[in-house]
Amino acid sequence: MSTTTVRDVRDAADALVAAFAEGRLDDYFGAFAPDATFVFHTTPERLGSTAEYRALWQRWVEQDGFRVLGCTSSARLVQPFGDTAVFSHDVETRVATHAGEETVHERETIVFARSADGVWLAVHEHLSPRTTT
């Protein structure tokens, strides 16, 4: 296992999570490949592109007043497989909507792929609920 690859993927994941937590949407969505796919336990269908996810996010904002207040990542694991890597972790996200604030506990897997210019981009994200007991 290449320690450079693990570090680079961890750095890419850190940048993605930080952009999400801080509401820097251009940076957040820019961390994904255009053709990335998304599977969320809160959404009935698989999203087939980053543009589709961004449009859904915009609907959440417009309809629900959705915004991220903060996010922490723990129990992190990077598994490199050549020019791809699987990053998994537990996330605790504070969100606000018109209904108020809540903290969401989830497990997340993000698959990263190294582009031709050496940049690690997320190509798939999967979220599932996590019990806190």
N, C-alpha and C. Protein backbone atom coordinates (compact mmCIF):
# COMPACT_ATOMS: atom_id res chain seq x y z
N MET A 1 0.85 -1.17 0.00
CA MET A 1 0.00 0.00 0.00
C MET A 1 0.89 1.23 0.00
N SER A 2 0.63 2.14 -0.91
CA SER A 2 1.42 3.36 -1.01
C SER A 2 0.97 4.37 0.03
N THR A 3 1.91 4.80 0.88
CA THR A 3 1.55 5.81 1.88
C THR A 3 1.24 7.15 1.20
N THR A 4 1.87 7.42 0.06
CA THR A 4 1.58 8.64 -0.69
C THR A 4 0.14 8.61 -1.17
N THR A 5 -0.30 7.50 -1.73
CA THR A 5 -1.67 7.37 -2.21
C THR A 5 -2.66 7.56 -1.06
N VAL A 6 -2.41 6.90 0.06
CA VAL A 6 -3.31 7.02 1.21
C VAL A 6 -3.38 8.48 1.66
N ARG A 7 -2.24 9.13 1.75
CA ARG A 7 -2.20 10.53 2.18
C ARG A 7 -2.94 11.42 1.17
N ASP A 8 -2.71 11.19 -0.12
CA ASP A 8 -3.36 12.02 -1.15
C ASP A 8 -4.88 11.84 -1.13
N VAL A 9 -5.33 10.61 -0.96
CA VAL A 9 -6.78 10.35 -0.91
C VAL A 9 -7.35 10.95 0.37
N ARG A 10 -6.65 10.80 1.48
CA ARG A 10 -7.12 11.39 2.73
C ARG A 10 -7.20 12.92 2.59
N ASP A 11 -6.22 13.52 1.94
CA ASP A 11 -6.24 14.97 1.71
C ASP A 11 -7.44 15.37 0.84
N ALA A 12 -7.71 14.59 -0.20
CA ALA A 12 -8.86 14.87 -1.07
C ALA A 12 -10.17 14.74 -0.29
N ALA A 13 -10.25 13.72 0.54
CA ALA A 13 -11.45 13.53 1.37
C ALA A 13 -11.59 14.66 2.38
N ASP A 14 -10.48 15.06 3.00
CA ASP A 14 -10.52 16.18 3.96
C ASP A 14 -11.02 17.45 3.29
N ALA A 15 -10.54 17.72 2.09
CA ALA A 15 -10.96 18.92 1.36
C ALA A 15 -12.45 18.86 1.03
N LEU A 16 -12.93 17.70 0.62
CA LEU A 16 -14.33 17.52 0.29
C LEU A 16 -15.19 17.74 1.53
N VAL A 17 -14.84 17.09 2.64
CA VAL A 17 -15.62 17.22 3.88
C VAL A 17 -15.59 18.66 4.40
N ALA A 18 -14.43 19.31 4.35
CA ALA A 18 -14.33 20.69 4.82
C ALA A 18 -15.20 21.62 3.97
N ALA A 19 -15.19 21.45 2.66
CA ALA A 19 -16.01 22.29 1.78
C ALA A 19 -17.49 22.07 2.09
N PHE A 20 -17.89 20.83 2.32
CA PHE A 20 -19.27 20.50 2.69
C PHE A 20 -19.63 21.18 4.01
N ALA A 21 -18.78 21.01 5.02
CA ALA A 21 -19.04 21.53 6.36
C ALA A 21 -19.13 23.04 6.38
N GLU A 22 -18.36 23.69 5.51
CA GLU A 22 -18.28 25.16 5.49
C GLU A 22 -19.22 25.80 4.48
N GLY A 23 -19.98 24.97 3.76
CA GLY A 23 -20.93 25.51 2.79
C GLY A 23 -20.30 26.09 1.54
N ARG A 24 -19.07 25.67 1.24
CA ARG A 24 -18.40 26.14 0.02
C ARG A 24 -18.82 25.21 -1.12
N LEU A 25 -19.98 25.48 -1.68
CA LEU A 25 -20.59 24.54 -2.62
C LEU A 25 -19.80 24.35 -3.90
N ASP A 26 -19.19 25.41 -4.44
CA ASP A 26 -18.40 25.23 -5.66
C ASP A 26 -17.23 24.29 -5.39
N ASP A 27 -16.57 24.45 -4.25
CA ASP A 27 -15.46 23.56 -3.90
C ASP A 27 -15.97 22.14 -3.63
N TYR A 28 -17.09 22.04 -2.93
CA TYR A 28 -17.67 20.73 -2.62
C TYR A 28 -18.02 19.97 -3.89
N PHE A 29 -18.83 20.57 -4.73
CA PHE A 29 -19.22 19.87 -5.95
C PHE A 29 -18.05 19.70 -6.91
N GLY A 30 -17.06 20.59 -6.84
CA GLY A 30 -15.86 20.47 -7.66
C GLY A 30 -14.98 19.30 -7.26
N ALA A 31 -15.21 18.73 -6.08
CA ALA A 31 -14.44 17.57 -5.63
C ALA A 31 -14.94 16.27 -6.28
N PHE A 32 -16.05 16.35 -7.00
CA PHE A 32 -16.64 15.19 -7.67
C PHE A 32 -16.40 15.26 -9.17
N ALA A 33 -16.21 14.11 -9.78
CA ALA A 33 -16.17 14.03 -11.24
C ALA A 33 -17.56 14.36 -11.77
N PRO A 34 -17.66 14.96 -12.96
CA PRO A 34 -18.98 15.30 -13.50
C PRO A 34 -19.92 14.10 -13.59
N ASP A 35 -19.38 12.91 -13.87
CA ASP A 35 -20.22 11.72 -14.03
C ASP A 35 -20.29 10.88 -12.76
N ALA A 36 -19.97 11.47 -11.61
CA ALA A 36 -20.07 10.75 -10.34
C ALA A 36 -21.52 10.33 -10.09
N THR A 37 -21.68 9.26 -9.32
CA THR A 37 -23.01 8.78 -8.94
C THR A 37 -23.15 8.88 -7.43
N PHE A 38 -24.42 8.94 -6.98
CA PHE A 38 -24.71 9.17 -5.57
C PHE A 38 -25.88 8.30 -5.14
N VAL A 39 -25.70 7.62 -4.01
CA VAL A 39 -26.77 6.82 -3.42
C VAL A 39 -26.95 7.31 -1.99
N PHE A 40 -28.11 7.92 -1.73
CA PHE A 40 -28.42 8.46 -0.41
C PHE A 40 -29.63 7.73 0.15
N HIS A 41 -29.60 7.38 1.42
CA HIS A 41 -30.73 6.69 2.04
C HIS A 41 -31.96 7.60 2.12
N THR A 42 -31.78 8.89 1.96
CA THR A 42 -32.89 9.84 2.04
C THR A 42 -33.52 10.15 0.67
N THR A 43 -32.96 9.58 -0.38
CA THR A 43 -33.41 9.85 -1.74
C THR A 43 -33.78 8.53 -2.40
N PRO A 44 -34.98 8.43 -2.99
CA PRO A 44 -35.42 7.13 -3.51
C PRO A 44 -34.64 6.63 -4.73
N GLU A 45 -34.02 7.52 -5.49
CA GLU A 45 -33.33 7.08 -6.71
C GLU A 45 -31.84 7.37 -6.62
N ARG A 46 -31.07 6.63 -7.40
CA ARG A 46 -29.64 6.92 -7.54
C ARG A 46 -29.51 8.17 -8.40
N LEU A 47 -28.63 9.06 -8.01
CA LEU A 47 -28.36 10.26 -8.79
C LEU A 47 -27.22 9.94 -9.75
N GLY A 48 -27.39 10.30 -11.03
CA GLY A 48 -26.47 9.86 -12.06
C GLY A 48 -25.39 10.84 -12.47
N SER A 49 -25.31 11.99 -11.79
CA SER A 49 -24.26 12.95 -12.12
C SER A 49 -24.14 13.98 -11.00
N THR A 50 -23.03 14.68 -11.00
CA THR A 50 -22.84 15.74 -10.02
C THR A 50 -23.84 16.86 -10.27
N ALA A 51 -24.14 17.15 -11.52
CA ALA A 51 -25.13 18.19 -11.84
C ALA A 51 -26.50 17.82 -11.29
N GLU A 52 -26.86 16.55 -11.37
CA GLU A 52 -28.14 16.10 -10.84
C GLU A 52 -28.18 16.27 -9.31
N TYR A 53 -27.09 15.94 -8.64
CA TYR A 53 -27.00 16.13 -7.19
C TYR A 53 -27.08 17.61 -6.84
N ARG A 54 -26.38 18.44 -7.58
CA ARG A 54 -26.39 19.88 -7.28
C ARG A 54 -27.79 20.46 -7.46
N ALA A 55 -28.52 19.99 -8.47
CA ALA A 55 -29.90 20.44 -8.68
C ALA A 55 -30.79 20.00 -7.51
N LEU A 56 -30.59 18.78 -7.02
CA LEU A 56 -31.35 18.31 -5.87
C LEU A 56 -31.02 19.17 -4.65
N TRP A 57 -29.75 19.45 -4.43
CA TRP A 57 -29.33 20.31 -3.31
C TRP A 57 -30.06 21.65 -3.39
N GLN A 58 -30.11 22.23 -4.59
CA GLN A 58 -30.77 23.52 -4.77
C GLN A 58 -32.25 23.43 -4.42
N ARG A 59 -32.90 22.32 -4.76
CA ARG A 59 -34.32 22.12 -4.39
C ARG A 59 -34.46 22.06 -2.87
N TRP A 60 -33.51 21.35 -2.20
CA TRP A 60 -33.55 21.30 -0.73
C TRP A 60 -33.47 22.71 -0.15
N VAL A 61 -32.59 23.53 -0.70
CA VAL A 61 -32.43 24.91 -0.21
C VAL A 61 -33.72 25.69 -0.43
N GLU A 62 -34.25 25.63 -1.65
CA GLU A 62 -35.43 26.42 -1.99
C GLU A 62 -36.68 25.95 -1.25
N GLN A 63 -36.89 24.65 -1.14
CA GLN A 63 -38.12 24.13 -0.55
C GLN A 63 -38.05 24.02 0.97
N ASP A 64 -36.88 23.66 1.51
CA ASP A 64 -36.77 23.35 2.94
C ASP A 64 -35.90 24.33 3.72
N GLY A 65 -35.24 25.26 3.03
CA GLY A 65 -34.31 26.14 3.72
C GLY A 65 -33.07 25.40 4.20
N PHE A 66 -32.71 24.33 3.52
CA PHE A 66 -31.61 23.45 3.92
C PHE A 66 -30.27 24.17 3.92
N ARG A 67 -29.51 23.95 4.99
CA ARG A 67 -28.11 24.38 5.02
C ARG A 67 -27.35 23.53 6.02
N VAL A 68 -26.08 23.34 5.73
CA VAL A 68 -25.20 22.57 6.59
C VAL A 68 -24.56 23.53 7.59
N LEU A 69 -24.62 23.16 8.86
CA LEU A 69 -24.05 23.99 9.92
C LEU A 69 -22.67 23.50 10.35
N GLY A 70 -22.38 22.23 10.08
CA GLY A 70 -21.08 21.66 10.43
C GLY A 70 -21.07 20.17 10.18
N CYS A 71 -19.88 19.61 10.08
CA CYS A 71 -19.74 18.18 9.82
C CYS A 71 -18.42 17.69 10.37
N THR A 72 -18.46 16.57 11.08
CA THR A 72 -17.23 15.96 11.57
C THR A 72 -17.13 14.54 11.02
N SER A 73 -15.90 14.15 10.77
CA SER A 73 -15.59 12.84 10.19
C SER A 73 -14.76 12.05 11.20
N SER A 74 -15.11 10.78 11.38
CA SER A 74 -14.35 9.92 12.29
C SER A 74 -14.32 8.50 11.74
N ALA A 75 -13.54 7.64 12.41
CA ALA A 75 -13.41 6.22 12.00
C ALA A 75 -13.08 6.12 10.51
N ARG A 76 -12.09 6.87 10.09
CA ARG A 76 -11.73 7.00 8.67
C ARG A 76 -10.84 5.83 8.21
N LEU A 77 -11.10 5.37 7.01
CA LEU A 77 -10.30 4.30 6.41
C LEU A 77 -10.12 4.59 4.93
N VAL A 78 -8.88 4.49 4.45
CA VAL A 78 -8.58 4.62 3.03
C VAL A 78 -8.06 3.27 2.55
N GLN A 79 -8.67 2.75 1.49
CA GLN A 79 -8.25 1.48 0.89
C GLN A 79 -7.89 1.76 -0.58
N PRO A 80 -6.59 1.84 -0.90
CA PRO A 80 -6.20 2.11 -2.29
C PRO A 80 -6.23 0.85 -3.15
N PHE A 81 -6.63 1.02 -4.40
CA PHE A 81 -6.66 -0.05 -5.39
C PHE A 81 -6.17 0.52 -6.72
N GLY A 82 -4.87 0.74 -6.83
CA GLY A 82 -4.32 1.32 -8.05
C GLY A 82 -4.74 2.77 -8.19
N ASP A 83 -5.41 3.09 -9.30
CA ASP A 83 -5.85 4.46 -9.56
C ASP A 83 -7.23 4.76 -8.98
N THR A 84 -7.72 3.88 -8.12
CA THR A 84 -8.96 4.13 -7.39
C THR A 84 -8.69 3.88 -5.91
N ALA A 85 -9.56 4.41 -5.09
CA ALA A 85 -9.45 4.19 -3.65
C ALA A 85 -10.83 4.34 -3.03
N VAL A 86 -11.06 3.57 -1.99
CA VAL A 86 -12.30 3.64 -1.25
C VAL A 86 -12.02 4.34 0.08
N PHE A 87 -12.76 5.38 0.35
CA PHE A 87 -12.67 6.12 1.61
C PHE A 87 -13.98 5.90 2.35
N SER A 88 -13.91 5.38 3.56
CA SER A 88 -15.12 5.22 4.36
C SER A 88 -14.92 5.87 5.71
N HIS A 89 -16.02 6.37 6.26
CA HIS A 89 -15.94 7.05 7.55
C HIS A 89 -17.34 7.20 8.14
N ASP A 90 -17.39 7.59 9.40
CA ASP A 90 -18.63 7.98 10.06
C ASP A 90 -18.71 9.49 9.99
N VAL A 91 -19.90 10.01 9.74
CA VAL A 91 -20.09 11.45 9.69
C VAL A 91 -21.21 11.87 10.63
N GLU A 92 -20.97 12.97 11.27
CA GLU A 92 -21.98 13.60 12.11
C GLU A 92 -22.17 15.00 11.54
N THR A 93 -23.37 15.25 11.02
CA THR A 93 -23.64 16.50 10.33
C THR A 93 -24.75 17.27 11.02
N ARG A 94 -24.49 18.52 11.29
CA ARG A 94 -25.51 19.42 11.83
C ARG A 94 -26.12 20.18 10.66
N VAL A 95 -27.44 20.08 10.54
CA VAL A 95 -28.15 20.75 9.45
C VAL A 95 -29.28 21.60 10.01
N ALA A 96 -29.70 22.56 9.22
CA ALA A 96 -30.85 23.39 9.55
C ALA A 96 -31.80 23.40 8.37
N THR A 97 -33.09 23.37 8.68
CA THR A 97 -34.15 23.54 7.69
C THR A 97 -35.20 24.46 8.32
N HIS A 98 -36.27 24.70 7.60
CA HIS A 98 -37.36 25.49 8.16
C HIS A 98 -37.90 24.84 9.43
N ALA A 99 -37.77 23.52 9.55
CA ALA A 99 -38.27 22.79 10.72
C ALA A 99 -37.37 22.94 11.95
N GLY A 100 -36.15 23.44 11.77
CA GLY A 100 -35.23 23.60 12.89
C GLY A 100 -33.89 22.94 12.60
N GLU A 101 -33.12 22.75 13.66
CA GLU A 101 -31.79 22.15 13.52
C GLU A 101 -31.83 20.70 13.98
N GLU A 102 -30.98 19.88 13.37
CA GLU A 102 -30.83 18.50 13.81
C GLU A 102 -29.43 18.01 13.51
N THR A 103 -29.03 16.97 14.22
CA THR A 103 -27.75 16.31 13.97
C THR A 103 -28.04 14.95 13.36
N VAL A 104 -27.41 14.69 12.24
CA VAL A 104 -27.62 13.45 11.49
C VAL A 104 -26.36 12.60 11.62
N HIS A 105 -26.54 11.32 11.96
CA HIS A 105 -25.43 10.37 12.09
C HIS A 105 -25.50 9.39 10.93
N GLU A 106 -24.42 9.35 10.14
CA GLU A 106 -24.41 8.50 8.95
C GLU A 106 -23.05 7.82 8.78
N ARG A 107 -23.05 6.79 7.96
CA ARG A 107 -21.82 6.18 7.46
C ARG A 107 -21.75 6.56 5.99
N GLU A 108 -20.53 6.81 5.55
CA GLU A 108 -20.37 7.25 4.16
C GLU A 108 -19.20 6.52 3.53
N THR A 109 -19.39 6.13 2.29
CA THR A 109 -18.32 5.58 1.47
C THR A 109 -18.19 6.46 0.24
N ILE A 110 -16.97 6.88 -0.03
CA ILE A 110 -16.69 7.67 -1.23
C ILE A 110 -15.61 6.94 -2.01
N VAL A 111 -15.87 6.69 -3.27
CA VAL A 111 -14.88 6.08 -4.15
C VAL A 111 -14.19 7.21 -4.91
N PHE A 112 -12.86 7.23 -4.83
CA PHE A 112 -12.06 8.23 -5.53
C PHE A 112 -11.33 7.57 -6.69
N ALA A 113 -11.13 8.32 -7.76
CA ALA A 113 -10.33 7.87 -8.90
C ALA A 113 -9.31 8.95 -9.22
N ARG A 114 -8.10 8.52 -9.54
CA ARG A 114 -7.05 9.47 -9.90
C ARG A 114 -7.20 9.83 -11.37
N SER A 115 -7.32 11.13 -11.64
CA SER A 115 -7.47 11.60 -13.02
C SER A 115 -6.12 11.57 -13.72
N ALA A 116 -6.13 11.80 -15.01
CA ALA A 116 -4.90 11.78 -15.81
C ALA A 116 -3.87 12.78 -15.29
N ASP A 117 -4.33 13.89 -14.71
CA ASP A 117 -3.40 14.89 -14.19
C ASP A 117 -3.03 14.66 -12.72
N GLY A 118 -3.43 13.48 -12.18
CA GLY A 118 -3.02 13.10 -10.83
C GLY A 118 -3.93 13.57 -9.72
N VAL A 119 -5.02 14.25 -10.04
CA VAL A 119 -5.96 14.73 -9.03
C VAL A 119 -6.93 13.61 -8.66
N TRP A 120 -7.16 13.45 -7.37
CA TRP A 120 -8.13 12.46 -6.89
C TRP A 120 -9.51 13.11 -6.84
N LEU A 121 -10.45 12.60 -7.66
CA LEU A 121 -11.82 13.08 -7.68
C LEU A 121 -12.76 11.99 -7.19
N ALA A 122 -13.80 12.40 -6.48
CA ALA A 122 -14.81 11.45 -6.03
C ALA A 122 -15.67 11.04 -7.23
N VAL A 123 -15.87 9.73 -7.39
CA VAL A 123 -16.67 9.23 -8.51
C VAL A 123 -17.94 8.53 -8.05
N HIS A 124 -18.03 8.25 -6.74
CA HIS A 124 -19.25 7.65 -6.18
C HIS A 124 -19.31 7.95 -4.69
N GLU A 125 -20.50 8.27 -4.24
CA GLU A 125 -20.75 8.50 -2.81
C GLU A 125 -21.98 7.71 -2.39
N HIS A 126 -21.87 7.04 -1.25
CA HIS A 126 -22.99 6.27 -0.70
C HIS A 126 -23.12 6.62 0.77
N LEU A 127 -24.31 7.06 1.16
CA LEU A 127 -24.62 7.38 2.56
C LEU A 127 -25.64 6.40 3.10
N SER A 128 -25.43 5.97 4.32
CA SER A 128 -26.42 5.15 5.01
C SER A 128 -26.55 5.66 6.44
N PRO A 129 -27.71 5.41 7.06
CA PRO A 129 -27.88 5.87 8.44
C PRO A 129 -26.99 5.09 9.38
N ARG A 130 -26.61 5.74 10.50
CA ARG A 130 -25.77 5.09 11.51
C ARG A 130 -26.47 5.25 12.85
N THR A 131 -26.65 4.16 13.52
CA THR A 131 -27.21 4.25 14.86
C THR A 131 -26.13 4.73 15.82
N THR A 132 -26.54 5.43 16.84
CA THR A 132 -25.58 5.99 17.79
C THR A 132 -25.55 5.24 19.12
N THR A 133 -26.17 4.07 19.15
CA THR A 133 -26.18 3.28 20.39
C THR A 133 -24.99 2.38 20.49
